Amino acid sequence: MDSSTRRRDLHVGLLKVVPAFANLSTFELSTLADAAVDQAFAAGDVIFKQGDSGDQFYLIKKGTVVCTQQQREEEDPVEIGRLDRGASFGQFALLSDRPRQATVTALGEVVCLILDRTVYTRLIGPQIGVLRRNMETYNTFVSNII
């Protein structure tokens, strides 16, 4: 039980700093933390590709990922950013049906906390309207990171 409490507290601490979750209560964050799962990725693993449909949100617990984007089909992808521990990506998968806007690849060993859209919607359904209203602010925040 002690390890479950530590795990929840760690995950709540990580989720608390995600701008998209800023309006959630501690109880709601704890509920999300309990539903989230850890997943490890090896160096070079593609976590998701640009254009893929998405239904998961990722929060980096350990390691670094590189985000690349291909502007035109005839061009090579370019690096648009690197994200480290505490950074999140894939938030739009929770709020919309838009395809992935970039490819995200592990640079070395990476461990992410993953939250599925179905679970998120079931647990935090009433908050989705609030999160969508704040999406413009969130877009501005993300553009400053990547």
Protein backbone atom coordinates (compact mmCIF):
# COMPACT_ATOMS: atom_id res chain seq x y z
CA MET A 1 0.00 0.00 0.00
CA ASP A 2 2.87 2.35 0.79
CA SER A 3 4.30 1.93 -2.72
CA SER A 4 0.87 2.61 -4.26
CA THR A 5 0.63 5.85 -2.30
CA ARG A 6 4.15 6.88 -3.35
CA ARG A 7 3.34 6.03 -6.98
CA ARG A 8 0.12 8.07 -6.86
CA ASP A 9 1.85 11.04 -5.22
CA LEU A 10 4.63 10.98 -7.84
CA HIS A 11 2.11 10.82 -10.68
CA VAL A 12 -0.11 13.56 -9.19
CA GLY A 13 2.99 15.75 -8.88
CA LEU A 14 3.80 15.19 -12.55
CA LEU A 15 0.22 15.69 -13.75
CA LYS A 16 -0.20 18.85 -11.67
CA VAL A 17 2.27 20.81 -13.82
CA VAL A 18 0.53 19.97 -17.12
CA PRO A 19 -1.24 23.16 -18.29
CA ALA A 20 -4.17 21.18 -19.73
CA PHE A 21 -4.88 19.83 -16.23
CA ALA A 22 -4.50 23.13 -14.35
CA ASN A 23 -8.22 23.31 -13.52
CA LEU A 24 -8.50 19.80 -12.10
CA SER A 25 -8.92 19.19 -8.39
CA THR A 26 -6.51 17.09 -6.36
CA PHE A 27 -9.12 14.31 -6.30
CA GLU A 28 -9.42 14.39 -10.10
CA LEU A 29 -5.64 14.39 -10.50
CA SER A 30 -5.41 11.43 -8.10
CA THR A 31 -8.04 9.58 -10.13
CA LEU A 32 -6.08 10.19 -13.33
CA ALA A 33 -2.83 9.16 -11.62
CA ASP A 34 -4.39 5.86 -10.57
CA ALA A 35 -5.61 5.20 -14.12
CA ALA A 36 -2.35 6.08 -15.86
CA VAL A 37 0.19 3.41 -16.75
CA ASP A 38 3.96 3.46 -17.11
CA GLN A 39 5.59 2.42 -20.36
CA ALA A 40 9.29 2.17 -21.15
CA PHE A 41 10.80 2.90 -24.55
CA ALA A 42 14.29 2.00 -25.75
CA ALA A 43 16.61 4.33 -27.63
CA GLY A 44 15.29 4.89 -31.14
CA ASP A 45 11.76 3.67 -30.43
CA VAL A 46 9.16 5.74 -32.26
CA ILE A 47 6.49 6.55 -29.70
CA PHE A 48 4.14 7.82 -32.41
CA LYS A 49 4.38 9.11 -35.97
CA GLN A 50 3.16 12.31 -37.55
CA GLY A 51 -0.25 11.69 -39.11
CA ASP A 52 -1.17 8.79 -36.81
CA SER A 53 -4.49 8.95 -35.05
CA GLY A 54 -4.00 9.43 -31.36
CA ASP A 55 -5.78 8.36 -28.24
CA GLN A 56 -3.04 8.63 -25.63
CA PHE A 57 -1.35 11.41 -23.69
CA TYR A 58 2.27 11.03 -22.55
CA LEU A 59 4.15 12.53 -19.62
CA ILE A 60 7.91 11.93 -19.47
CA LYS A 61 9.01 10.43 -16.16
CA LYS A 62 12.56 9.67 -17.29
CA GLY A 63 14.66 10.43 -20.37
CA THR A 64 14.44 12.65 -23.44
CA VAL A 65 12.43 12.48 -26.65
CA VAL A 66 12.97 14.28 -29.93
CA CYS A 67 10.05 15.70 -31.91
CA THR A 68 10.36 15.88 -35.68
CA GLN A 69 7.98 17.21 -38.26
CA GLN A 70 7.79 16.83 -42.01
CA GLN A 71 6.41 19.99 -43.60
CA ARG A 72 6.20 18.66 -47.17
CA GLU A 73 6.21 15.14 -48.52
CA GLU A 74 9.33 15.75 -50.62
CA GLU A 75 11.32 17.15 -47.66
CA ASP A 76 13.10 15.34 -44.85
CA PRO A 77 11.65 15.71 -41.34
CA VAL A 78 13.22 18.45 -39.22
CA GLU A 79 13.73 18.50 -35.48
CA ILE A 80 11.28 20.88 -33.84
CA GLY A 81 12.15 20.20 -30.23
CA ARG A 82 13.35 17.95 -27.46
CA LEU A 83 11.39 17.19 -24.32
CA ASP A 84 12.75 15.98 -20.98
CA ARG A 85 11.43 14.74 -17.64
CA GLY A 86 8.22 16.49 -16.65
CA ALA A 87 7.32 17.50 -20.20
CA SER A 88 4.17 16.18 -21.82
CA PHE A 89 3.02 15.51 -25.36
CA GLY A 90 -0.01 14.12 -27.14
CA GLN A 91 -2.51 16.23 -25.17
CA PHE A 92 -4.63 16.94 -28.22
CA ALA A 93 -5.43 13.23 -28.41
CA LEU A 94 -7.49 13.66 -25.25
CA LEU A 95 -9.42 16.63 -26.58
CA SER A 96 -9.81 16.15 -30.33
CA ASP A 97 -9.61 13.71 -33.19
CA ARG A 98 -6.79 15.58 -34.93
CA PRO A 99 -3.93 13.45 -36.24
CA ARG A 100 -0.52 13.60 -34.58
CA GLN A 101 1.31 16.75 -35.61
CA ALA A 102 4.84 15.35 -35.19
CA THR A 103 6.83 12.17 -34.82
CA VAL A 104 8.17 11.56 -31.31
CA THR A 105 11.20 9.29 -30.85
CA ALA A 106 13.03 8.16 -27.69
CA LEU A 107 16.62 9.38 -27.31
CA GLY A 108 17.94 6.72 -25.01
CA GLU A 109 15.82 4.99 -22.38
CA VAL A 110 12.53 6.81 -21.79
CA VAL A 111 9.75 6.06 -19.31
CA CYS A 112 6.38 7.74 -19.83
CA LEU A 113 3.21 7.95 -17.83
CA ILE A 114 0.43 7.25 -20.33
CA LEU A 115 -3.21 8.22 -20.11
CA ASP A 116 -5.76 6.82 -22.56
CA ARG A 117 -8.53 9.05 -23.98
CA THR A 118 -11.27 6.54 -23.13
CA VAL A 119 -10.21 6.39 -19.48
CA TYR A 120 -9.71 10.15 -19.36
CA THR A 121 -13.17 10.83 -20.80
CA ARG A 122 -14.79 8.40 -18.37
CA LEU A 123 -13.04 9.91 -15.37
CA ILE A 124 -12.99 13.60 -16.26
CA GLY A 125 -15.81 13.90 -18.82
CA PRO A 126 -17.40 17.05 -17.34
CA GLN A 127 -14.03 18.86 -17.45
CA ILE A 128 -13.56 18.34 -21.20
CA GLY A 129 -15.54 21.49 -22.04
CA VAL A 130 -13.30 23.53 -19.74
CA LEU A 131 -10.18 22.02 -21.27
CA ARG A 132 -11.38 22.74 -24.82
CA ARG A 133 -12.11 26.36 -23.90
CA ASN A 134 -8.55 26.64 -22.62
CA MET A 135 -7.06 24.97 -25.70
CA GLU A 136 -6.03 28.31 -27.25
CA THR A 137 -3.99 29.19 -24.16
CA TYR A 138 -2.54 25.71 -24.22
CA ASN A 139 -1.62 26.05 -27.94
CA THR A 140 0.34 29.18 -27.08
CA PHE A 141 2.13 27.36 -24.24
CA VAL A 142 3.05 24.39 -26.46
CA SER A 143 4.33 26.62 -29.26
CA ASN A 144 6.74 28.17 -26.77
CA ILE A 145 8.09 24.74 -25.77
CA ILE A 146 8.54 23.21 -29.22
